[in-house]
Amino acid sequence: MLKLRNKMIALLGTVGLAAAKTLVLSMLTEKIILRLGLEIAEWAAERTTNEVDNNLVGLMREQLRKTGVV
């Protein structure tokens, strides 16, 4: 009986997490997600000493500007 209860709790937890994920993603638009990704990439690039990631982030920002996201 206890094993069945634990399985049911695990199943409900999985379903609950999936529903929460769907809800959050449906509330966010593609532009918000892309802007957030760009902000995170810029934040990470600022904390390194090489130029490669800075160039990649610059290219990413340029492409997002061309498409009207930023």
C-alpha atoms as a PDB file:
ATOM      1  CA  MET A   1       0.000   0.000   0.000  1.00  0.00           C
ATOM      2  CA  LEU A   2       2.837   2.375   0.870  1.00  0.00           C
ATOM      3  CA  LYS A   3       4.616   1.683  -2.441  1.00  0.00           C
ATOM      4  CA  LEU A   4       1.462   2.499  -4.386  1.00  0.00           C
ATOM      5  CA  ARG A   5       1.058   5.742  -2.456  1.00  0.00           C
ATOM      6  CA  ASN A   6       4.663   6.740  -3.185  1.00  0.00           C
ATOM      7  CA  LYS A   7       4.195   5.970  -6.882  1.00  0.00           C
ATOM      8  CA  MET A   8       1.039   8.079  -6.983  1.00  0.00           C
ATOM      9  CA  ILE A   9       2.801  10.985  -5.266  1.00  0.00           C
ATOM     10  CA  ALA A  10       5.691  10.752  -7.746  1.00  0.00           C
ATOM     11  CA  LEU A  11       3.273  10.649 -10.674  1.00  0.00           C
ATOM     12  CA  LEU A  12       1.324  13.656  -9.400  1.00  0.00           C
ATOM     13  CA  GLY A  13       4.576  15.535  -8.844  1.00  0.00           C
ATOM     14  CA  THR A  14       5.670  14.851 -12.407  1.00  0.00           C
ATOM     15  CA  VAL A  15       2.312  15.924 -13.809  1.00  0.00           C
ATOM     16  CA  GLY A  16       2.332  19.035 -11.616  1.00  0.00           C
ATOM     17  CA  LEU A  17       5.791  20.046 -12.768  1.00  0.00           C
ATOM     18  CA  ALA A  18       4.858  19.534 -16.410  1.00  0.00           C
ATOM     19  CA  ALA A  19       1.733  21.657 -15.973  1.00  0.00           C
ATOM     20  CA  ALA A  20       3.712  24.411 -14.226  1.00  0.00           C
ATOM     21  CA  LYS A  21       6.344  24.366 -16.984  1.00  0.00           C
ATOM     22  CA  THR A  22       3.675  24.634 -19.670  1.00  0.00           C
ATOM     23  CA  LEU A  23       2.006  27.494 -17.852  1.00  0.00           C
ATOM     24  CA  VAL A  24       5.230  29.457 -17.441  1.00  0.00           C
ATOM     25  CA  LEU A  25       6.320  28.922 -21.032  1.00  0.00           C
ATOM     26  CA  SER A  26       2.934  29.905 -22.372  1.00  0.00           C
ATOM     27  CA  MET A  27       3.079  33.158 -20.402  1.00  0.00           C
ATOM     28  CA  LEU A  28       6.476  34.057 -21.827  1.00  0.00           C
ATOM     29  CA  THR A  29       6.785  35.174 -25.385  1.00  0.00           C
ATOM     30  CA  GLU A  30       9.564  34.189 -27.710  1.00  0.00           C
ATOM     31  CA  LYS A  31      10.996  37.713 -27.589  1.00  0.00           C
ATOM     32  CA  ILE A  32      11.241  37.655 -23.810  1.00  0.00           C
ATOM     33  CA  ILE A  33      12.993  34.303 -23.865  1.00  0.00           C
ATOM     34  CA  LEU A  34      15.466  35.504 -26.523  1.00  0.00           C
ATOM     35  CA  ARG A  35      16.157  38.738 -24.634  1.00  0.00           C
ATOM     36  CA  LEU A  36      16.722  36.802 -21.420  1.00  0.00           C
ATOM     37  CA  GLY A  37      19.097  34.449 -23.228  1.00  0.00           C
ATOM     38  CA  LEU A  38      21.010  37.426 -24.592  1.00  0.00           C
ATOM     39  CA  GLU A  39      21.235  39.035 -21.146  1.00  0.00           C
ATOM     40  CA  ILE A  40      22.546  35.802 -19.639  1.00  0.00           C
ATOM     41  CA  ALA A  41      25.087  35.416 -22.467  1.00  0.00           C
ATOM     42  CA  GLU A  42      26.273  39.002 -21.970  1.00  0.00           C
ATOM     43  CA  TRP A  43      26.546  38.490 -18.229  1.00  0.00           C
ATOM     44  CA  ALA A  44      28.624  35.335 -18.727  1.00  0.00           C
ATOM     45  CA  ALA A  45      30.812  36.915 -21.419  1.00  0.00           C
ATOM     46  CA  GLU A  46      31.681  39.858 -19.175  1.00  0.00           C
ATOM     47  CA  ARG A  47      33.134  37.478 -16.617  1.00  0.00           C
ATOM     48  CA  THR A  48      35.675  35.877 -18.935  1.00  0.00           C
ATOM     49  CA  THR A  49      39.000  37.137 -20.193  1.00  0.00           C
ATOM     50  CA  ASN A  50      38.873  35.946 -23.808  1.00  0.00           C
ATOM     51  CA  GLU A  51      37.421  37.763 -26.797  1.00  0.00           C
ATOM     52  CA  VAL A  52      35.750  34.794 -28.501  1.00  0.00           C
ATOM     53  CA  ASP A  53      32.628  34.814 -26.367  1.00  0.00           C
ATOM     54  CA  ASN A  54      32.402  38.609 -26.549  1.00  0.00           C
ATOM     55  CA  ASN A  55      32.411  38.364 -30.347  1.00  0.00           C
ATOM     56  CA  LEU A  56      29.758  35.646 -30.320  1.00  0.00           C
ATOM     57  CA  VAL A  57      27.514  37.669 -28.021  1.00  0.00           C
ATOM     58  CA  GLY A  58      28.001  40.690 -30.282  1.00  0.00           C
ATOM     59  CA  LEU A  59      26.965  38.647 -33.307  1.00  0.00           C
ATOM     60  CA  MET A  60      23.961  37.336 -31.413  1.00  0.00           C
ATOM     61  CA  ARG A  61      22.894  40.867 -30.451  1.00  0.00           C
ATOM     62  CA  GLU A  62      23.351  42.060 -34.042  1.00  0.00           C
ATOM     63  CA  GLN A  63      21.183  39.261 -35.438  1.00  0.00           C
ATOM     64  CA  LEU A  64      18.481  39.894 -32.832  1.00  0.00           C
ATOM     65  CA  ARG A  65      18.497  43.583 -33.774  1.00  0.00           C
ATOM     66  CA  LYS A  66      18.083  42.710 -37.448  1.00  0.00           C
ATOM     67  CA  THR A  67      15.054  40.554 -36.638  1.00  0.00           C
ATOM     68  CA  GLY A  68      13.544  43.198 -34.371  1.00  0.00           C
ATOM     69  CA  VAL A  69      13.812  41.256 -31.139  1.00  0.00           C
ATOM     70  CA  VAL A  70      16.117  43.730 -29.407  1.00  0.00           C
END
